[in-house]
Amino acid sequence: MRPIYDAQFRGEIRKRMSPPSRETVTEISRATGISRQTLYSWRHLWKREGELVPASSSSAEEWD
């Protein structure tokens, strides 16, 4: 059975991916036990919804 994560928990994960924390998917996966694929799916969904979630740990000035 797949675990169900509520919106509040997913919001906390989104914040961890975003500045100033900017943790990588791998770091978050190791810390939480959530699969990398699940985290990548969430990030993709947030981007489609128009929320800015960086794909890398580079600073905004380094983005293309």
N, C-alpha and C. Protein backbone atom coordinates (compact mmCIF):
# COMPACT_ATOMS: atom_id res chain seq x y z
N MET A 1 0.83 -1.19 0.00
CA MET A 1 0.00 0.00 0.00
C MET A 1 0.87 1.25 0.00
N ARG A 2 0.54 2.19 -0.87
CA ARG A 2 1.31 3.43 -0.98
C ARG A 2 0.94 4.40 0.13
N PRO A 3 1.94 5.06 0.71
CA PRO A 3 1.62 6.07 1.73
C PRO A 3 0.94 7.27 1.10
N ILE A 4 0.10 7.93 1.87
CA ILE A 4 -0.58 9.14 1.40
C ILE A 4 -0.02 10.32 2.17
N TYR A 5 0.45 11.31 1.45
CA TYR A 5 1.04 12.50 2.06
C TYR A 5 0.05 13.66 1.91
N ASP A 6 -0.26 14.33 2.99
CA ASP A 6 -1.22 15.43 2.92
C ASP A 6 -0.59 16.68 2.33
N ALA A 7 -1.43 17.64 2.00
CA ALA A 7 -0.99 18.87 1.33
C ALA A 7 0.00 19.64 2.19
N GLN A 8 -0.18 19.65 3.49
CA GLN A 8 0.73 20.37 4.38
C GLN A 8 2.13 19.76 4.32
N PHE A 9 2.22 18.44 4.35
CA PHE A 9 3.51 17.77 4.28
C PHE A 9 4.19 18.04 2.94
N ARG A 10 3.43 17.95 1.85
CA ARG A 10 4.00 18.22 0.53
C ARG A 10 4.47 19.67 0.42
N GLY A 11 3.74 20.59 1.07
CA GLY A 11 4.17 21.98 1.10
C GLY A 11 5.50 22.17 1.80
N GLU A 12 5.70 21.41 2.87
CA GLU A 12 6.98 21.47 3.58
C GLU A 12 8.12 20.95 2.70
N ILE A 13 7.84 19.92 1.93
CA ILE A 13 8.84 19.38 1.00
C ILE A 13 9.15 20.42 -0.07
N ARG A 14 8.11 21.09 -0.60
CA ARG A 14 8.32 22.12 -1.62
C ARG A 14 9.22 23.23 -1.07
N LYS A 15 8.99 23.63 0.17
CA LYS A 15 9.84 24.66 0.79
C LYS A 15 11.28 24.20 0.90
N ARG A 16 11.49 22.92 1.18
CA ARG A 16 12.85 22.40 1.28
C ARG A 16 13.56 22.43 -0.07
N MET A 17 12.79 22.31 -1.15
CA MET A 17 13.37 22.35 -2.50
C MET A 17 13.64 23.79 -2.96
N SER A 18 12.97 24.74 -2.35
CA SER A 18 13.02 26.13 -2.79
C SER A 18 14.04 26.93 -1.98
N PRO A 19 14.47 28.08 -2.50
CA PRO A 19 15.37 28.95 -1.75
C PRO A 19 14.73 29.35 -0.42
N PRO A 20 15.47 29.54 0.62
CA PRO A 20 16.92 29.49 0.69
C PRO A 20 17.47 28.09 0.94
N SER A 21 16.65 27.11 1.26
CA SER A 21 17.15 25.76 1.58
C SER A 21 17.74 25.07 0.37
N ARG A 22 16.95 24.97 -0.69
CA ARG A 22 17.38 24.37 -1.96
C ARG A 22 18.00 23.00 -1.81
N GLU A 23 17.37 22.16 -1.00
CA GLU A 23 17.86 20.79 -0.86
C GLU A 23 17.58 20.03 -2.16
N THR A 24 18.45 19.10 -2.49
CA THR A 24 18.26 18.32 -3.71
C THR A 24 17.22 17.23 -3.46
N VAL A 25 16.70 16.70 -4.55
CA VAL A 25 15.74 15.61 -4.46
C VAL A 25 16.38 14.42 -3.74
N THR A 26 17.62 14.14 -4.04
CA THR A 26 18.32 13.02 -3.40
C THR A 26 18.45 13.23 -1.90
N GLU A 27 18.80 14.45 -1.48
CA GLU A 27 18.92 14.74 -0.05
C GLU A 27 17.58 14.56 0.67
N ILE A 28 16.53 15.08 0.07
CA ILE A 28 15.20 14.97 0.68
C ILE A 28 14.75 13.52 0.71
N SER A 29 15.02 12.78 -0.35
CA SER A 29 14.64 11.38 -0.41
C SER A 29 15.33 10.59 0.70
N ARG A 30 16.61 10.82 0.88
CA ARG A 30 17.35 10.12 1.94
C ARG A 30 16.84 10.47 3.33
N ALA A 31 16.51 11.75 3.53
CA ALA A 31 16.07 12.22 4.85
C ALA A 31 14.65 11.75 5.20
N THR A 32 13.79 11.63 4.18
CA THR A 32 12.37 11.34 4.45
C THR A 32 11.94 9.91 4.11
N GLY A 33 12.73 9.25 3.25
CA GLY A 33 12.34 7.91 2.80
C GLY A 33 11.36 7.93 1.64
N ILE A 34 11.04 9.12 1.13
CA ILE A 34 10.16 9.25 -0.04
C ILE A 34 11.00 8.97 -1.28
N SER A 35 10.46 8.20 -2.20
CA SER A 35 11.25 7.87 -3.40
C SER A 35 11.56 9.11 -4.21
N ARG A 36 12.69 9.07 -4.90
CA ARG A 36 13.07 10.18 -5.76
C ARG A 36 12.03 10.40 -6.84
N GLN A 37 11.48 9.32 -7.39
CA GLN A 37 10.48 9.45 -8.44
C GLN A 37 9.26 10.22 -7.94
N THR A 38 8.83 9.94 -6.73
CA THR A 38 7.69 10.66 -6.15
C THR A 38 8.02 12.15 -6.02
N LEU A 39 9.21 12.45 -5.53
CA LEU A 39 9.61 13.85 -5.37
C LEU A 39 9.70 14.56 -6.72
N TYR A 40 10.26 13.88 -7.73
CA TYR A 40 10.31 14.48 -9.07
C TYR A 40 8.90 14.70 -9.62
N SER A 41 7.99 13.78 -9.36
CA SER A 41 6.59 13.95 -9.81
C SER A 41 5.95 15.16 -9.15
N TRP A 42 6.16 15.31 -7.85
CA TRP A 42 5.61 16.47 -7.14
C TRP A 42 6.17 17.76 -7.72
N ARG A 43 7.50 17.78 -7.94
CA ARG A 43 8.13 18.99 -8.47
C ARG A 43 7.56 19.34 -9.84
N HIS A 44 7.37 18.32 -10.68
CA HIS A 44 6.80 18.54 -12.01
C HIS A 44 5.38 19.12 -11.89
N LEU A 45 4.59 18.57 -10.99
CA LEU A 45 3.24 19.06 -10.77
C LEU A 45 3.25 20.51 -10.31
N TRP A 46 4.13 20.84 -9.38
CA TRP A 46 4.20 22.22 -8.88
C TRP A 46 4.58 23.18 -10.00
N LYS A 47 5.49 22.78 -10.87
CA LYS A 47 5.87 23.62 -12.00
C LYS A 47 4.69 23.83 -12.94
N ARG A 48 3.92 22.78 -13.20
CA ARG A 48 2.74 22.90 -14.06
C ARG A 48 1.70 23.83 -13.44
N GLU A 49 1.65 23.87 -12.13
CA GLU A 49 0.71 24.75 -11.43
C GLU A 49 1.24 26.18 -11.32
N GLY A 50 2.44 26.42 -11.84
CA GLY A 50 3.00 27.76 -11.86
C GLY A 50 3.83 28.13 -10.65
N GLU A 51 4.13 27.16 -9.80
CA GLU A 51 4.97 27.43 -8.64
C GLU A 51 6.43 27.22 -9.03
N LEU A 52 7.26 28.16 -8.63
CA LEU A 52 8.67 28.10 -8.97
C LEU A 52 9.39 27.13 -8.03
N VAL A 53 9.90 26.05 -8.60
CA VAL A 53 10.70 25.09 -7.85
C VAL A 53 11.94 24.82 -8.69
N PRO A 54 13.10 25.31 -8.26
CA PRO A 54 14.32 25.14 -9.06
C PRO A 54 14.66 23.68 -9.30
N ALA A 55 15.21 23.41 -10.46
CA ALA A 55 15.60 22.04 -10.81
C ALA A 55 17.03 21.75 -10.38
N SER A 56 17.75 22.75 -9.94
CA SER A 56 19.13 22.55 -9.53
C SER A 56 19.44 23.41 -8.33
N SER A 57 20.63 23.25 -7.80
CA SER A 57 21.03 24.03 -6.63
C SER A 57 21.76 25.31 -7.01
N SER A 58 21.84 25.63 -8.31
CA SER A 58 22.51 26.87 -8.72
C SER A 58 21.66 28.07 -8.31
N SER A 59 22.31 29.20 -8.12
CA SER A 59 21.59 30.39 -7.70
C SER A 59 20.76 30.96 -8.87
N ALA A 60 19.80 31.78 -8.56
CA ALA A 60 18.93 32.36 -9.58
C ALA A 60 19.74 33.13 -10.63
N GLU A 61 20.82 33.74 -10.23
CA GLU A 61 21.65 34.50 -11.16
C GLU A 61 22.30 33.58 -12.21
N GLU A 62 22.45 32.30 -11.89
CA GLU A 62 23.08 31.35 -12.80
C GLU A 62 22.08 30.64 -13.71
N TRP A 63 20.77 30.90 -13.50
CA TRP A 63 19.77 30.23 -14.33
C TRP A 63 19.82 30.75 -15.75
N ASP A 64 19.50 29.88 -16.69
CA ASP A 64 19.44 30.29 -18.11
C ASP A 64 18.17 31.07 -18.37
